[in-house]
C-alpha cells in the first residue's frame, strides 16, 4: 500500500540530513533524537499560541522567552537534543513567519506609495493631455491651410 502523505522537498531534505547525522554517530534517527540525554522541552508560547498573537506580540514573546528569562540558559543545558532541535525548528518557523509579515507590510507600503504617486501625477497627466490636444489642433489647422 502506498502512503497517502506527500512530503515537501524541504521536509525530505531535513529528514535525510537527520538520518545522515544519526548515521555519522552510528545511531538510528529515533535513537539520535531521543530524550535520554536530557528532559522534556523548553517553555513555549502562552496558551493560545501564536495563532492569536499579533506580530509585535510574537516578537516580544520570543525575545522575552529567550533573552529575558534568567532560567532559559540553565534549561538549555539540561534539555534533550530532541528538545533543542524542536526549539531550533520553532525559532526558524517564527523567523520565517516574521519575515513573511515584514514582506506583507513592505508590499502594503509599496501599494500606498504607488497610489500616492498616481494621485500626484494626475495633474501632470491632465496637463500633458491638454498640451497634446493643443498640439494636434495646431497641426490640423496648419495642414488645412
N, C-alpha and C. Protein backbone atom coordinates (compact mmCIF):
# COMPACT_ATOMS: atom_id res chain seq x y z
N UNK A 1 0.84 -1.18 0.00
CA UNK A 1 0.00 0.00 0.00
C UNK A 1 0.89 1.24 0.00
N UNK A 2 0.59 2.17 -0.88
CA UNK A 2 1.40 3.39 -0.96
C UNK A 2 0.94 4.38 0.10
N UNK A 3 1.87 5.18 0.61
CA UNK A 3 1.49 6.15 1.63
C UNK A 3 0.58 7.23 1.05
N UNK A 4 -0.30 7.75 1.87
CA UNK A 4 -1.22 8.80 1.41
C UNK A 4 -0.74 10.19 1.82
N UNK A 5 0.54 10.31 2.10
CA UNK A 5 1.12 11.58 2.52
C UNK A 5 2.12 12.04 1.47
N UNK A 6 2.06 13.32 1.13
CA UNK A 6 3.02 13.88 0.18
C UNK A 6 3.93 14.83 0.96
N UNK A 7 5.22 14.56 0.92
CA UNK A 7 6.17 15.39 1.64
C UNK A 7 6.76 16.45 0.72
N UNK A 8 7.00 17.61 1.28
CA UNK A 8 7.65 18.69 0.54
C UNK A 8 9.14 18.36 0.40
N UNK A 9 9.79 18.89 -0.64
CA UNK A 9 11.23 18.64 -0.80
C UNK A 9 12.05 19.07 0.42
N UNK A 10 11.67 20.15 1.06
CA UNK A 10 12.41 20.62 2.24
C UNK A 10 12.28 19.62 3.40
N UNK A 11 11.10 19.02 3.54
CA UNK A 11 10.90 18.03 4.59
C UNK A 11 11.75 16.79 4.33
N UNK A 12 11.79 16.37 3.08
CA UNK A 12 12.60 15.21 2.71
C UNK A 12 14.07 15.50 2.97
N UNK A 13 14.52 16.70 2.58
CA UNK A 13 15.92 17.07 2.79
C UNK A 13 16.26 17.11 4.28
N UNK A 14 15.35 17.64 5.10
CA UNK A 14 15.59 17.70 6.55
C UNK A 14 15.66 16.30 7.15
N UNK A 15 14.76 15.42 6.72
CA UNK A 15 14.77 14.05 7.23
C UNK A 15 16.05 13.33 6.81
N UNK A 16 16.47 13.55 5.56
CA UNK A 16 17.71 12.93 5.09
C UNK A 16 18.92 13.46 5.86
N UNK A 17 18.91 14.76 6.18
CA UNK A 17 20.00 15.34 6.96
C UNK A 17 20.03 14.75 8.36
N UNK A 18 18.86 14.59 8.98
CA UNK A 18 18.80 13.96 10.31
C UNK A 18 19.31 12.54 10.25
N UNK A 19 18.91 11.81 9.22
CA UNK A 19 19.36 10.42 9.08
C UNK A 19 20.87 10.36 8.89
N UNK A 20 21.42 11.29 8.10
CA UNK A 20 22.87 11.32 7.87
C UNK A 20 23.62 11.65 9.16
N UNK A 21 23.11 12.61 9.92
CA UNK A 21 23.76 12.96 11.19
C UNK A 21 23.71 11.79 12.17
N UNK A 22 22.57 11.12 12.20
CA UNK A 22 22.43 9.95 13.09
C UNK A 22 23.37 8.84 12.65
N UNK A 23 23.44 8.60 11.34
CA UNK A 23 24.32 7.55 10.81
C UNK A 23 25.78 7.86 11.10
N UNK A 24 26.14 9.15 11.06
CA UNK A 24 27.52 9.54 11.35
C UNK A 24 27.91 9.20 12.78
N UNK A 25 26.94 9.18 13.67
CA UNK A 25 27.20 8.81 15.06
C UNK A 25 26.90 7.34 15.33
N UNK A 26 26.55 6.61 14.28
CA UNK A 26 26.27 5.19 14.44
C UNK A 26 24.95 4.89 15.12
N UNK A 27 23.98 5.79 14.98
CA UNK A 27 22.68 5.62 15.63
C UNK A 27 21.58 5.70 14.59
N UNK A 28 20.41 5.23 14.97
CA UNK A 28 19.23 5.42 14.12
C UNK A 28 18.67 6.81 14.42
N UNK A 29 17.86 7.38 13.50
CA UNK A 29 17.28 8.70 13.78
C UNK A 29 16.48 8.73 15.08
N UNK A 30 15.77 7.64 15.40
CA UNK A 30 14.98 7.60 16.64
C UNK A 30 15.89 7.65 17.87
N UNK A 31 17.03 6.95 17.81
CA UNK A 31 17.98 6.99 18.94
C UNK A 31 18.64 8.36 19.03
N UNK A 32 18.95 8.92 17.86
CA UNK A 32 19.65 10.20 17.82
C UNK A 32 18.78 11.33 18.37
N UNK A 33 17.47 11.27 18.10
CA UNK A 33 16.55 12.30 18.57
C UNK A 33 15.79 11.84 19.82
N UNK A 34 16.49 11.23 20.73
CA UNK A 34 15.82 10.70 21.93
C UNK A 34 15.88 11.70 23.07
N UNK A 35 15.12 11.38 24.11
CA UNK A 35 15.12 12.19 25.33
C UNK A 35 16.08 11.66 26.37
N UNK A 36 16.88 10.68 26.02
CA UNK A 36 17.76 10.05 27.01
C UNK A 36 18.85 10.99 27.53
N UNK A 37 19.21 11.99 26.73
CA UNK A 37 20.30 12.88 27.13
C UNK A 37 19.82 14.12 27.88
N UNK A 38 18.60 14.17 28.27
CA UNK A 38 18.07 15.32 28.99
C UNK A 38 16.60 15.12 29.29
N UNK A 39 15.89 16.21 29.43
CA UNK A 39 14.47 16.09 29.75
C UNK A 39 13.64 16.92 28.79
N UNK A 40 12.39 16.58 28.67
CA UNK A 40 11.30 17.32 28.05
C UNK A 40 11.63 18.34 27.00
N UNK A 41 11.01 19.49 27.14
CA UNK A 41 11.18 20.54 26.16
C UNK A 41 11.24 21.90 26.85
N UNK A 42 11.67 22.88 26.09
CA UNK A 42 11.77 24.24 26.61
C UNK A 42 10.38 24.87 26.66
N UNK A 43 10.20 25.89 27.49
CA UNK A 43 8.88 26.54 27.57
C UNK A 43 8.47 27.11 26.22
N UNK A 44 7.19 27.06 25.95
CA UNK A 44 6.67 27.57 24.68
C UNK A 44 5.83 28.81 24.92
N UNK A 45 5.15 29.24 23.87
CA UNK A 45 4.30 30.43 23.96
C UNK A 45 3.15 30.20 24.92
N UNK A 46 2.54 31.27 25.41
CA UNK A 46 1.41 31.12 26.32
C UNK A 46 0.23 30.42 25.64
N UNK A 47 -0.78 30.07 26.44
CA UNK A 47 -1.95 29.36 25.93
C UNK A 47 -2.55 30.12 24.76
N UNK A 48 -2.92 29.41 23.72
CA UNK A 48 -3.45 30.04 22.52
C UNK A 48 -2.39 30.12 21.44
N UNK A 49 -1.15 30.11 21.88
CA UNK A 49 -0.04 30.10 20.92
C UNK A 49 0.02 31.36 20.08
N UNK A 50 0.76 31.24 19.01
CA UNK A 50 0.99 32.39 18.15
C UNK A 50 -0.18 32.69 17.23
N UNK A 51 -1.14 31.77 17.13
CA UNK A 51 -2.28 32.00 16.24
C UNK A 51 -3.09 33.21 16.69
N UNK A 52 -3.09 33.49 17.98
CA UNK A 52 -3.91 34.59 18.50
C UNK A 52 -3.10 35.86 18.73
N UNK A 53 -1.80 35.84 18.40
CA UNK A 53 -0.94 36.99 18.67
C UNK A 53 -0.71 37.83 17.42
N UNK A 54 -0.49 39.12 17.66
CA UNK A 54 -0.05 39.98 16.57
C UNK A 54 1.44 39.73 16.35
N UNK A 55 1.97 40.29 15.29
CA UNK A 55 3.39 40.13 15.00
C UNK A 55 4.24 40.73 16.13
N UNK A 56 3.82 41.87 16.64
CA UNK A 56 4.57 42.51 17.73
C UNK A 56 4.54 41.65 18.99
N UNK A 57 3.37 41.10 19.32
CA UNK A 57 3.28 40.23 20.50
C UNK A 57 4.16 39.00 20.33
N UNK A 58 4.19 38.45 19.12
CA UNK A 58 5.01 37.27 18.86
C UNK A 58 6.48 37.60 19.08
N UNK A 59 6.91 38.73 18.54
CA UNK A 59 8.31 39.15 18.68
C UNK A 59 8.66 39.38 20.15
N UNK A 60 7.78 40.06 20.88
CA UNK A 60 8.03 40.31 22.31
C UNK A 60 8.06 39.01 23.11
N UNK A 61 7.18 38.07 22.78
CA UNK A 61 7.15 36.79 23.48
C UNK A 61 8.45 36.03 23.25
N UNK A 62 8.88 35.95 21.99
CA UNK A 62 10.11 35.23 21.68
C UNK A 62 11.32 35.89 22.33
N UNK A 63 11.39 37.22 22.25
CA UNK A 63 12.52 37.93 22.85
C UNK A 63 12.52 37.75 24.37
N UNK A 64 11.37 37.86 24.98
CA UNK A 64 11.28 37.68 26.43
C UNK A 64 11.61 36.26 26.85
N UNK A 65 11.15 35.31 26.05
CA UNK A 65 11.36 33.90 26.35
C UNK A 65 12.84 33.55 26.27
N UNK A 66 13.52 34.06 25.28
CA UNK A 66 14.92 33.68 25.05
C UNK A 66 15.91 34.58 25.79
N UNK A 67 15.63 35.87 25.86
CA UNK A 67 16.63 36.79 26.40
C UNK A 67 16.26 37.39 27.75
N UNK A 68 14.99 37.35 28.12
CA UNK A 68 14.57 37.97 29.37
C UNK A 68 14.36 36.99 30.50
N UNK A 69 14.49 35.71 30.24
CA UNK A 69 14.25 34.68 31.25
C UNK A 69 15.59 34.21 31.82
N UNK A 70 15.76 34.40 33.12
CA UNK A 70 17.03 34.01 33.76
C UNK A 70 17.26 32.51 33.72
N UNK A 71 16.19 31.73 33.70
CA UNK A 71 16.30 30.28 33.71
C UNK A 71 16.55 29.69 32.32
N UNK A 72 16.40 30.52 31.28
CA UNK A 72 16.50 29.99 29.92
C UNK A 72 17.83 29.30 29.68
N UNK A 73 18.93 29.97 30.00
CA UNK A 73 20.26 29.39 29.77
C UNK A 73 20.46 28.12 30.57
N UNK A 74 19.95 28.07 31.79
CA UNK A 74 20.05 26.84 32.58
C UNK A 74 19.26 25.71 31.94
N UNK A 75 18.05 26.02 31.48
CA UNK A 75 17.21 25.00 30.87
C UNK A 75 17.81 24.48 29.56
N UNK A 76 18.45 25.35 28.81
CA UNK A 76 19.03 24.93 27.53
C UNK A 76 20.10 23.86 27.74
N UNK A 77 20.82 23.95 28.83
CA UNK A 77 21.87 22.96 29.08
C UNK A 77 21.34 21.64 29.60
N UNK A 78 20.08 21.59 30.02
CA UNK A 78 19.53 20.39 30.62
C UNK A 78 18.57 19.61 29.73
N UNK A 79 18.04 20.24 28.69
CA UNK A 79 17.04 19.56 27.87
C UNK A 79 17.69 18.59 26.90
N UNK A 80 16.88 17.73 26.31
CA UNK A 80 17.38 16.72 25.38
C UNK A 80 17.73 17.34 24.04
N UNK A 81 18.46 16.58 23.23
CA UNK A 81 18.80 17.06 21.88
C UNK A 81 17.54 17.21 21.05
N UNK A 82 16.56 16.34 21.26
CA UNK A 82 15.30 16.46 20.51
C UNK A 82 14.62 17.78 20.87
N UNK A 83 14.65 18.15 22.16
CA UNK A 83 14.04 19.41 22.58
C UNK A 83 14.78 20.60 21.96
N UNK A 84 16.10 20.50 21.88
CA UNK A 84 16.88 21.58 21.25
C UNK A 84 16.55 21.69 19.77
N UNK A 85 16.46 20.54 19.09
CA UNK A 85 16.10 20.56 17.67
C UNK A 85 14.69 21.12 17.49
N UNK A 86 13.79 20.71 18.36
CA UNK A 86 12.42 21.19 18.29
C UNK A 86 12.38 22.70 18.50
N UNK A 87 13.15 23.20 19.45
CA UNK A 87 13.19 24.64 19.70
C UNK A 87 13.84 25.37 18.53
N UNK A 88 14.87 24.77 17.95
CA UNK A 88 15.53 25.38 16.79
C UNK A 88 14.54 25.50 15.63
N UNK A 89 13.81 24.43 15.37
CA UNK A 89 12.82 24.46 14.28
C UNK A 89 11.73 25.48 14.58
N UNK A 90 11.35 25.56 15.85
CA UNK A 90 10.36 26.56 16.26
C UNK A 90 10.89 27.97 15.99
N UNK A 91 12.15 28.23 16.34
CA UNK A 91 12.75 29.55 16.11
C UNK A 91 12.82 29.87 14.62
N UNK A 92 13.15 28.88 13.80
CA UNK A 92 13.18 29.09 12.35
C UNK A 92 11.78 29.40 11.84
N UNK A 93 10.79 28.69 12.36
CA UNK A 93 9.41 28.95 11.96
C UNK A 93 8.96 30.35 12.32
N UNK A 94 9.30 30.79 13.52
CA UNK A 94 8.95 32.15 13.95
C UNK A 94 9.67 33.16 13.06
N UNK A 95 10.93 32.90 12.77
CA UNK A 95 11.70 33.78 11.89
C UNK A 95 11.06 33.87 10.51
N UNK A 96 10.66 32.73 9.96
CA UNK A 96 10.01 32.73 8.65
C UNK A 96 8.70 33.49 8.68
N UNK A 97 7.92 33.28 9.74
CA UNK A 97 6.64 33.98 9.86
C UNK A 97 6.86 35.49 9.93
N UNK A 98 7.84 35.92 10.74
CA UNK A 98 8.12 37.35 10.86
C UNK A 98 8.64 37.93 9.55
N UNK A 99 9.49 37.18 8.85
CA UNK A 99 9.99 37.65 7.55
C UNK A 99 8.84 37.82 6.57
N UNK A 100 7.89 36.89 6.59
CA UNK A 100 6.74 36.97 5.70
C UNK A 100 5.85 38.15 6.09
N UNK A 101 5.69 38.41 7.38
CA UNK A 101 4.90 39.55 7.84
C UNK A 101 5.56 40.86 7.42
N UNK A 102 6.88 40.93 7.51
CA UNK A 102 7.60 42.12 7.07
C UNK A 102 7.42 42.31 5.56
N UNK A 103 7.47 41.22 4.81
CA UNK A 103 7.27 41.28 3.36
C UNK A 103 5.88 41.83 3.04
N UNK A 104 4.84 41.35 3.76
CA UNK A 104 3.48 41.83 3.53
C UNK A 104 3.38 43.31 3.85
N UNK A 105 4.04 43.76 4.92
CA UNK A 105 3.99 45.18 5.28
C UNK A 105 4.68 46.02 4.20
N UNK A 106 5.82 45.55 3.70
CA UNK A 106 6.51 46.27 2.63
C UNK A 106 5.64 46.34 1.38
N UNK A 107 4.94 45.24 1.09
CA UNK A 107 4.04 45.21 -0.06
C UNK A 107 2.95 46.27 0.07
N UNK A 108 2.37 46.39 1.28
CA UNK A 108 1.32 47.39 1.50
C UNK A 108 1.87 48.80 1.38
N UNK A 109 3.08 49.03 1.89
CA UNK A 109 3.69 50.36 1.79
C UNK A 109 3.95 50.70 0.32
N UNK A 110 4.43 49.73 -0.44
CA UNK A 110 4.67 49.97 -1.87
C UNK A 110 3.37 50.27 -2.60
N UNK A 111 2.29 49.58 -2.25
CA UNK A 111 1.00 49.85 -2.87
C UNK A 111 0.52 51.26 -2.53
N UNK A 112 0.70 51.67 -1.28
CA UNK A 112 0.32 53.02 -0.89
C UNK A 112 1.17 54.07 -1.62
N UNK A 113 2.47 53.80 -1.76
CA UNK A 113 3.33 54.73 -2.50
C UNK A 113 2.92 54.82 -3.96
N UNK A 114 2.54 53.69 -4.55
CA UNK A 114 2.09 53.70 -5.94
C UNK A 114 0.81 54.53 -6.08
N UNK A 115 -0.12 54.37 -5.15
CA UNK A 115 -1.36 55.15 -5.18
C UNK A 115 -1.06 56.63 -5.01
N UNK A 116 -0.20 56.95 -4.07
CA UNK A 116 0.18 58.34 -3.82
C UNK A 116 0.83 58.95 -5.06
N UNK A 117 1.75 58.22 -5.67
CA UNK A 117 2.43 58.71 -6.88
C UNK A 117 1.43 58.92 -8.00
N UNK A 118 0.51 57.99 -8.16
CA UNK A 118 -0.51 58.10 -9.20
C UNK A 118 -1.37 59.35 -8.98
N UNK A 119 -1.75 59.61 -7.74
CA UNK A 119 -2.56 60.79 -7.46
C UNK A 119 -1.77 62.07 -7.70
N UNK A 120 -0.51 62.07 -7.33
CA UNK A 120 0.32 63.26 -7.53
C UNK A 120 0.58 63.54 -9.01
N UNK A 121 0.66 62.50 -9.82
CA UNK A 121 0.96 62.70 -11.24
C UNK A 121 -0.30 62.92 -12.08
N UNK A 122 -1.48 62.83 -11.47
CA UNK A 122 -2.74 63.05 -12.21
C UNK A 122 -2.75 64.44 -12.84
N UNK A 123 -2.33 65.46 -12.09
CA UNK A 123 -2.29 66.83 -12.61
C UNK A 123 -1.37 66.91 -13.82
N UNK A 124 -0.21 66.24 -13.75
CA UNK A 124 0.73 66.26 -14.87
C UNK A 124 0.14 65.54 -16.09
N UNK A 125 -0.59 64.45 -15.85
CA UNK A 125 -1.22 63.74 -16.97
C UNK A 125 -2.24 64.63 -17.67
N UNK A 126 -3.03 65.37 -16.88
CA UNK A 126 -4.02 66.27 -17.48
C UNK A 126 -3.34 67.38 -18.27
N UNK A 127 -2.28 67.95 -17.73
CA UNK A 127 -1.55 69.00 -18.44
C UNK A 127 -0.96 68.46 -19.74
N UNK A 128 -0.41 67.26 -19.68
CA UNK A 128 0.19 66.65 -20.87
C UNK A 128 -0.88 66.36 -21.92
N UNK A 129 -2.03 65.86 -21.50
CA UNK A 129 -3.12 65.57 -22.44
C UNK A 129 -3.62 66.86 -23.08
N UNK A 130 -3.73 67.93 -22.29
CA UNK A 130 -4.18 69.22 -22.84
C UNK A 130 -3.16 69.75 -23.84
N UNK A 131 -1.89 69.66 -23.52
CA UNK A 131 -0.84 70.12 -24.44
C UNK A 131 -0.85 69.29 -25.72
N UNK A 132 -1.09 68.00 -25.57
CA UNK A 132 -1.16 67.11 -26.74
C UNK A 132 -2.34 67.50 -27.63
N UNK A 133 -3.49 67.78 -27.02
CA UNK A 133 -4.67 68.20 -27.80
C UNK A 133 -4.41 69.52 -28.51
N UNK A 134 -3.79 70.48 -27.81
CA UNK A 134 -3.48 71.77 -28.45
C UNK A 134 -2.52 71.57 -29.61
N UNK A 135 -1.53 70.72 -29.42
CA UNK A 135 -0.56 70.47 -30.49
C UNK A 135 -1.23 69.82 -31.69
N UNK A 136 -2.12 68.88 -31.45
CA UNK A 136 -2.82 68.23 -32.57
C UNK A 136 -3.73 69.21 -33.30
N UNK A 137 -4.44 70.07 -32.55
CA UNK A 137 -5.31 71.05 -33.20
C UNK A 137 -4.48 72.02 -34.04
N UNK A 138 -3.31 72.38 -33.54
CA UNK A 138 -2.44 73.27 -34.30
C UNK A 138 -1.95 72.60 -35.57
N UNK A 139 -1.60 71.32 -35.52
CA UNK A 139 -1.15 70.60 -36.70
C UNK A 139 -2.27 70.46 -37.71
N UNK A 140 -3.48 70.21 -37.25
CA UNK A 140 -4.62 70.05 -38.15
C UNK A 140 -4.91 71.36 -38.86
N UNK A 141 -4.90 72.46 -38.12
CA UNK A 141 -5.20 73.75 -38.76
C UNK A 141 -4.10 74.14 -39.74
N UNK A 142 -2.86 73.81 -39.46
CA UNK A 142 -1.77 74.11 -40.40
C UNK A 142 -1.87 73.26 -41.65
N UNK A 143 -2.29 71.99 -41.48
CA UNK A 143 -2.37 71.12 -42.65
C UNK A 143 -3.53 71.50 -43.55
N UNK A 144 -4.57 72.14 -42.99
CA UNK A 144 -5.70 72.59 -43.81
C UNK A 144 -5.28 73.78 -44.64
N UNK A 145 -4.48 74.68 -44.10
CA UNK A 145 -4.05 75.88 -44.83
C UNK A 145 -3.10 75.58 -45.89
